N, C-alpha and C. Protein backbone atom coordinates (compact mmCIF):
# COMPACT_ATOMS: atom_id res chain seq x y z
N UNK A 1 -52.23 108.33 79.98
CA UNK A 1 -52.36 107.42 81.10
C UNK A 1 -53.55 107.84 81.95
N UNK A 2 -54.09 106.87 82.65
CA UNK A 2 -55.25 107.10 83.49
C UNK A 2 -54.91 106.80 84.93
N UNK A 3 -55.45 107.58 85.84
CA UNK A 3 -55.21 107.36 87.26
C UNK A 3 -56.08 106.21 87.75
N UNK A 4 -55.54 105.40 88.64
CA UNK A 4 -56.30 104.34 89.31
C UNK A 4 -55.95 104.39 90.78
N UNK A 5 -56.86 103.93 91.61
CA UNK A 5 -56.62 103.96 93.05
C UNK A 5 -56.08 102.62 93.50
N UNK A 6 -55.24 102.65 94.53
CA UNK A 6 -54.66 101.42 95.08
C UNK A 6 -54.62 101.46 96.58
N UNK A 7 -54.32 100.33 97.18
CA UNK A 7 -54.28 100.24 98.64
C UNK A 7 -53.04 100.91 99.21
N UNK A 8 -53.09 101.18 100.48
CA UNK A 8 -51.94 101.79 101.16
C UNK A 8 -51.06 100.76 101.84
N UNK A 9 -51.60 99.59 102.19
CA UNK A 9 -50.83 98.60 102.93
C UNK A 9 -51.19 97.21 102.44
N UNK A 10 -50.20 96.33 102.30
CA UNK A 10 -50.43 94.98 101.80
C UNK A 10 -50.68 93.98 102.90
N UNK A 11 -51.24 92.82 102.54
CA UNK A 11 -51.46 91.73 103.48
C UNK A 11 -50.34 90.69 103.40
N UNK A 12 -49.42 90.87 102.49
CA UNK A 12 -48.30 89.95 102.32
C UNK A 12 -47.51 89.89 103.62
N UNK A 13 -47.02 88.72 104.02
CA UNK A 13 -46.24 88.62 105.26
C UNK A 13 -45.04 89.57 105.29
N UNK A 14 -44.50 89.92 104.13
CA UNK A 14 -43.35 90.82 104.08
C UNK A 14 -43.75 92.28 104.32
N UNK A 15 -45.07 92.57 104.35
CA UNK A 15 -45.51 93.97 104.45
C UNK A 15 -45.03 94.65 105.72
N UNK A 16 -44.68 93.88 106.75
CA UNK A 16 -44.19 94.49 107.97
C UNK A 16 -42.75 94.99 107.80
N UNK A 17 -42.03 94.45 106.83
CA UNK A 17 -40.65 94.87 106.62
C UNK A 17 -40.47 95.67 105.34
N UNK A 18 -41.35 95.47 104.36
CA UNK A 18 -41.24 96.21 103.11
C UNK A 18 -42.53 96.95 102.86
N UNK A 19 -42.43 98.25 102.71
CA UNK A 19 -43.54 99.09 102.32
C UNK A 19 -42.96 100.41 101.87
N UNK A 20 -43.58 101.02 100.90
CA UNK A 20 -43.09 102.29 100.37
C UNK A 20 -44.27 103.02 99.75
N UNK A 21 -44.18 104.34 99.64
CA UNK A 21 -45.27 105.10 99.03
C UNK A 21 -45.32 104.84 97.53
N UNK A 22 -46.53 104.79 96.99
CA UNK A 22 -46.71 104.58 95.56
C UNK A 22 -46.80 105.88 94.77
N UNK A 23 -47.06 106.99 95.46
CA UNK A 23 -47.27 108.25 94.75
C UNK A 23 -48.55 108.19 93.93
N UNK A 24 -48.60 108.98 92.86
CA UNK A 24 -49.77 108.96 91.97
C UNK A 24 -49.74 107.65 91.18
N UNK A 25 -50.86 106.97 91.14
CA UNK A 25 -50.95 105.69 90.44
C UNK A 25 -51.59 105.94 89.08
N UNK A 26 -50.90 105.51 88.04
CA UNK A 26 -51.40 105.66 86.68
C UNK A 26 -51.26 104.34 85.94
N UNK A 27 -52.00 104.19 84.85
CA UNK A 27 -51.93 102.99 84.04
C UNK A 27 -52.06 103.36 82.58
N UNK A 28 -51.36 102.64 81.74
CA UNK A 28 -51.47 102.86 80.30
C UNK A 28 -52.79 102.26 79.81
N UNK A 29 -53.27 102.73 78.66
CA UNK A 29 -54.50 102.14 78.10
C UNK A 29 -54.36 100.62 77.87
N UNK A 30 -53.20 100.17 77.42
CA UNK A 30 -52.98 98.74 77.20
C UNK A 30 -53.10 97.94 78.48
N UNK A 31 -52.55 98.45 79.57
CA UNK A 31 -52.63 97.77 80.86
C UNK A 31 -54.08 97.72 81.34
N UNK A 32 -54.78 98.83 81.21
CA UNK A 32 -56.18 98.87 81.65
C UNK A 32 -57.03 97.90 80.85
N UNK A 33 -56.80 97.82 79.55
CA UNK A 33 -57.56 96.92 78.69
C UNK A 33 -57.30 95.47 79.07
N UNK A 34 -56.03 95.12 79.32
CA UNK A 34 -55.68 93.76 79.71
C UNK A 34 -56.30 93.40 81.06
N UNK A 35 -56.20 94.28 82.03
CA UNK A 35 -56.79 94.02 83.34
C UNK A 35 -58.30 93.82 83.23
N UNK A 36 -58.95 94.64 82.42
CA UNK A 36 -60.39 94.53 82.22
C UNK A 36 -60.75 93.22 81.54
N UNK A 37 -60.04 92.88 80.48
CA UNK A 37 -60.30 91.66 79.71
C UNK A 37 -60.09 90.41 80.58
N UNK A 38 -59.08 90.44 81.45
CA UNK A 38 -58.77 89.29 82.30
C UNK A 38 -59.52 89.34 83.64
N UNK A 39 -60.29 90.38 83.87
CA UNK A 39 -61.03 90.57 85.12
C UNK A 39 -60.10 90.50 86.33
N UNK A 40 -58.98 91.21 86.24
CA UNK A 40 -58.00 91.28 87.33
C UNK A 40 -58.10 92.66 87.98
N UNK A 41 -58.13 92.69 89.29
CA UNK A 41 -58.22 93.93 90.04
C UNK A 41 -56.82 94.54 90.19
N UNK A 42 -56.61 95.72 89.65
CA UNK A 42 -55.32 96.40 89.74
C UNK A 42 -54.89 96.61 91.18
N UNK A 43 -55.85 96.86 92.07
CA UNK A 43 -55.52 97.10 93.48
C UNK A 43 -54.82 95.91 94.10
N UNK A 44 -55.18 94.69 93.71
CA UNK A 44 -54.53 93.50 94.25
C UNK A 44 -53.07 93.43 93.81
N UNK A 45 -52.80 93.75 92.55
CA UNK A 45 -51.42 93.75 92.07
C UNK A 45 -50.62 94.87 92.74
N UNK A 46 -51.23 96.02 92.92
CA UNK A 46 -50.54 97.12 93.59
C UNK A 46 -50.22 96.76 95.05
N UNK A 47 -51.12 96.06 95.69
CA UNK A 47 -50.90 95.64 97.07
C UNK A 47 -49.71 94.69 97.14
N UNK A 48 -49.64 93.74 96.21
CA UNK A 48 -48.51 92.82 96.17
C UNK A 48 -47.20 93.58 95.96
N UNK A 49 -47.22 94.49 95.00
CA UNK A 49 -46.02 95.30 94.68
C UNK A 49 -45.56 96.08 95.90
N UNK A 50 -46.48 96.76 96.54
CA UNK A 50 -46.13 97.63 97.67
C UNK A 50 -45.65 96.85 98.88
N UNK A 51 -46.06 95.60 99.00
CA UNK A 51 -45.67 94.81 100.17
C UNK A 51 -44.44 93.94 99.92
N UNK A 52 -43.82 94.10 98.74
CA UNK A 52 -42.57 93.39 98.49
C UNK A 52 -42.71 92.06 97.77
N UNK A 53 -43.89 91.75 97.28
CA UNK A 53 -44.08 90.56 96.43
C UNK A 53 -43.86 91.04 95.00
N UNK A 54 -42.67 90.79 94.48
CA UNK A 54 -42.28 91.35 93.17
C UNK A 54 -42.80 90.54 92.00
N UNK A 55 -43.55 89.48 92.25
CA UNK A 55 -44.09 88.67 91.16
C UNK A 55 -43.03 87.79 90.54
N UNK A 56 -43.06 87.69 89.22
CA UNK A 56 -42.14 86.82 88.48
C UNK A 56 -40.95 87.60 87.96
N UNK A 57 -40.02 87.89 88.85
CA UNK A 57 -38.76 88.51 88.46
C UNK A 57 -37.63 87.58 88.87
N UNK A 58 -36.50 87.62 88.18
CA UNK A 58 -35.36 86.79 88.58
C UNK A 58 -34.91 87.15 89.99
N UNK A 59 -34.30 86.18 90.69
CA UNK A 59 -33.87 86.44 92.07
C UNK A 59 -32.98 87.68 92.22
N UNK A 60 -32.10 87.92 91.26
CA UNK A 60 -31.23 89.10 91.35
C UNK A 60 -32.03 90.40 91.23
N UNK A 61 -33.12 90.38 90.44
CA UNK A 61 -33.98 91.56 90.35
C UNK A 61 -34.78 91.76 91.63
N UNK A 62 -35.21 90.66 92.25
CA UNK A 62 -35.92 90.76 93.54
C UNK A 62 -34.99 91.36 94.59
N UNK A 63 -33.74 90.92 94.61
CA UNK A 63 -32.76 91.49 95.55
C UNK A 63 -32.54 92.98 95.28
N UNK A 64 -32.47 93.33 94.00
CA UNK A 64 -32.29 94.74 93.64
C UNK A 64 -33.50 95.56 94.09
N UNK A 65 -34.71 95.02 93.94
CA UNK A 65 -35.90 95.72 94.42
C UNK A 65 -35.84 95.93 95.92
N UNK A 66 -35.44 94.89 96.66
CA UNK A 66 -35.32 95.03 98.12
C UNK A 66 -34.34 96.15 98.46
N UNK A 67 -33.22 96.18 97.76
CA UNK A 67 -32.21 97.23 97.94
C UNK A 67 -32.78 98.61 97.56
N UNK A 68 -33.57 98.63 96.48
CA UNK A 68 -34.14 99.89 95.99
C UNK A 68 -35.14 100.50 96.96
N UNK A 69 -35.88 99.65 97.67
CA UNK A 69 -36.84 100.16 98.66
C UNK A 69 -36.10 100.95 99.72
N UNK A 70 -35.00 100.41 100.21
CA UNK A 70 -34.22 101.02 101.28
C UNK A 70 -33.47 102.25 100.80
N UNK A 71 -32.94 102.20 99.59
CA UNK A 71 -32.06 103.25 99.09
C UNK A 71 -32.71 104.24 98.13
N UNK A 72 -33.99 104.11 97.89
CA UNK A 72 -34.70 105.10 97.09
C UNK A 72 -34.45 105.01 95.60
N UNK A 73 -34.38 103.79 95.06
CA UNK A 73 -34.24 103.60 93.62
C UNK A 73 -35.56 103.10 93.04
N UNK A 74 -35.63 103.02 91.72
CA UNK A 74 -36.83 102.56 91.03
C UNK A 74 -37.09 101.09 91.36
N UNK A 75 -38.38 100.73 91.45
CA UNK A 75 -38.81 99.38 91.80
C UNK A 75 -39.69 98.85 90.66
N UNK A 76 -39.41 97.62 90.21
CA UNK A 76 -40.18 97.02 89.13
C UNK A 76 -40.66 95.63 89.52
N UNK A 77 -41.96 95.41 89.41
CA UNK A 77 -42.56 94.10 89.61
C UNK A 77 -43.16 93.62 88.30
N UNK A 78 -43.33 92.30 88.18
CA UNK A 78 -43.88 91.72 86.96
C UNK A 78 -44.85 90.61 87.34
N UNK A 79 -46.10 90.72 86.86
CA UNK A 79 -47.14 89.76 87.22
C UNK A 79 -47.81 89.19 85.98
N UNK A 80 -48.05 87.88 85.97
CA UNK A 80 -48.80 87.30 84.85
C UNK A 80 -50.27 87.71 84.94
N UNK A 81 -50.83 88.07 83.80
CA UNK A 81 -52.25 88.38 83.70
C UNK A 81 -52.75 87.65 82.45
N UNK A 82 -53.48 86.58 82.66
CA UNK A 82 -53.88 85.75 81.53
C UNK A 82 -52.64 85.22 80.84
N UNK A 83 -52.61 85.35 79.54
CA UNK A 83 -51.45 84.91 78.74
C UNK A 83 -50.38 85.99 78.64
N UNK A 84 -50.64 87.13 79.24
CA UNK A 84 -49.75 88.28 79.13
C UNK A 84 -49.10 88.61 80.47
N UNK A 85 -48.54 89.78 80.55
CA UNK A 85 -47.80 90.21 81.73
C UNK A 85 -48.03 91.70 81.94
N UNK A 86 -48.11 92.09 83.20
CA UNK A 86 -48.21 93.52 83.58
C UNK A 86 -46.97 93.86 84.39
N UNK A 87 -46.38 94.98 84.07
CA UNK A 87 -45.29 95.50 84.89
C UNK A 87 -45.85 96.61 85.76
N UNK A 88 -45.32 96.71 86.96
CA UNK A 88 -45.62 97.85 87.84
C UNK A 88 -44.28 98.47 88.21
N UNK A 89 -44.16 99.75 87.92
CA UNK A 89 -42.91 100.48 88.18
C UNK A 89 -43.20 101.65 89.10
N UNK A 90 -42.50 101.69 90.23
CA UNK A 90 -42.55 102.85 91.12
C UNK A 90 -41.26 103.63 90.93
N UNK A 91 -41.40 104.91 90.65
CA UNK A 91 -40.24 105.77 90.38
C UNK A 91 -39.39 105.94 91.64
N UNK A 92 -38.13 106.22 91.42
CA UNK A 92 -37.16 106.37 92.51
C UNK A 92 -37.60 107.41 93.54
N UNK A 93 -38.17 108.51 93.08
CA UNK A 93 -38.58 109.57 94.01
C UNK A 93 -39.95 109.30 94.64
N UNK A 94 -40.55 108.13 94.30
CA UNK A 94 -41.85 107.69 94.82
C UNK A 94 -42.98 108.65 94.46
N UNK A 95 -42.78 109.44 93.40
CA UNK A 95 -43.82 110.37 92.98
C UNK A 95 -44.94 109.68 92.21
N UNK A 96 -44.64 108.53 91.59
CA UNK A 96 -45.67 107.84 90.82
C UNK A 96 -45.35 106.35 90.67
N UNK A 97 -46.42 105.61 90.42
CA UNK A 97 -46.34 104.19 90.12
C UNK A 97 -47.18 103.96 88.87
N UNK A 98 -46.60 103.23 87.91
CA UNK A 98 -47.26 103.01 86.62
C UNK A 98 -47.49 101.52 86.39
N UNK A 99 -48.70 101.19 85.95
CA UNK A 99 -49.01 99.85 85.47
C UNK A 99 -48.94 99.91 83.95
N UNK A 100 -48.17 99.00 83.34
CA UNK A 100 -48.00 99.03 81.91
C UNK A 100 -47.68 97.64 81.39
N UNK A 101 -47.83 97.46 80.08
CA UNK A 101 -47.40 96.25 79.42
C UNK A 101 -45.93 96.37 79.09
N UNK A 102 -45.17 95.28 79.12
CA UNK A 102 -43.74 95.37 78.82
C UNK A 102 -43.45 96.05 77.48
N UNK A 103 -44.28 95.79 76.48
CA UNK A 103 -44.05 96.41 75.17
C UNK A 103 -44.34 97.91 75.15
N UNK A 104 -44.96 98.42 76.20
CA UNK A 104 -45.23 99.86 76.30
C UNK A 104 -44.11 100.61 77.00
N UNK A 105 -43.10 99.90 77.47
CA UNK A 105 -42.00 100.52 78.20
C UNK A 105 -41.15 101.37 77.28
């Protein structure tokens, strides 16, 4: 995995109520290749994730993420990138956040 830099605070309206540390930010080679091919900035996706915009997850998963922010559990967001999808997972202990393809999980 490779380290990538991300923002500390989101512009999402929810950022005033939801924010959490990302820890060390890493990405799998597959995620980096997809982001590069689609010309998508990883920092924008990380900003959405950190501010509580979970992307395309079912409502029950969004509720679980909201609960996880408060209670210190793992957080997973899912964003479309071109014809594919990128997952962003922040570990429960907030030591790291990983960008990866679902098939790399």
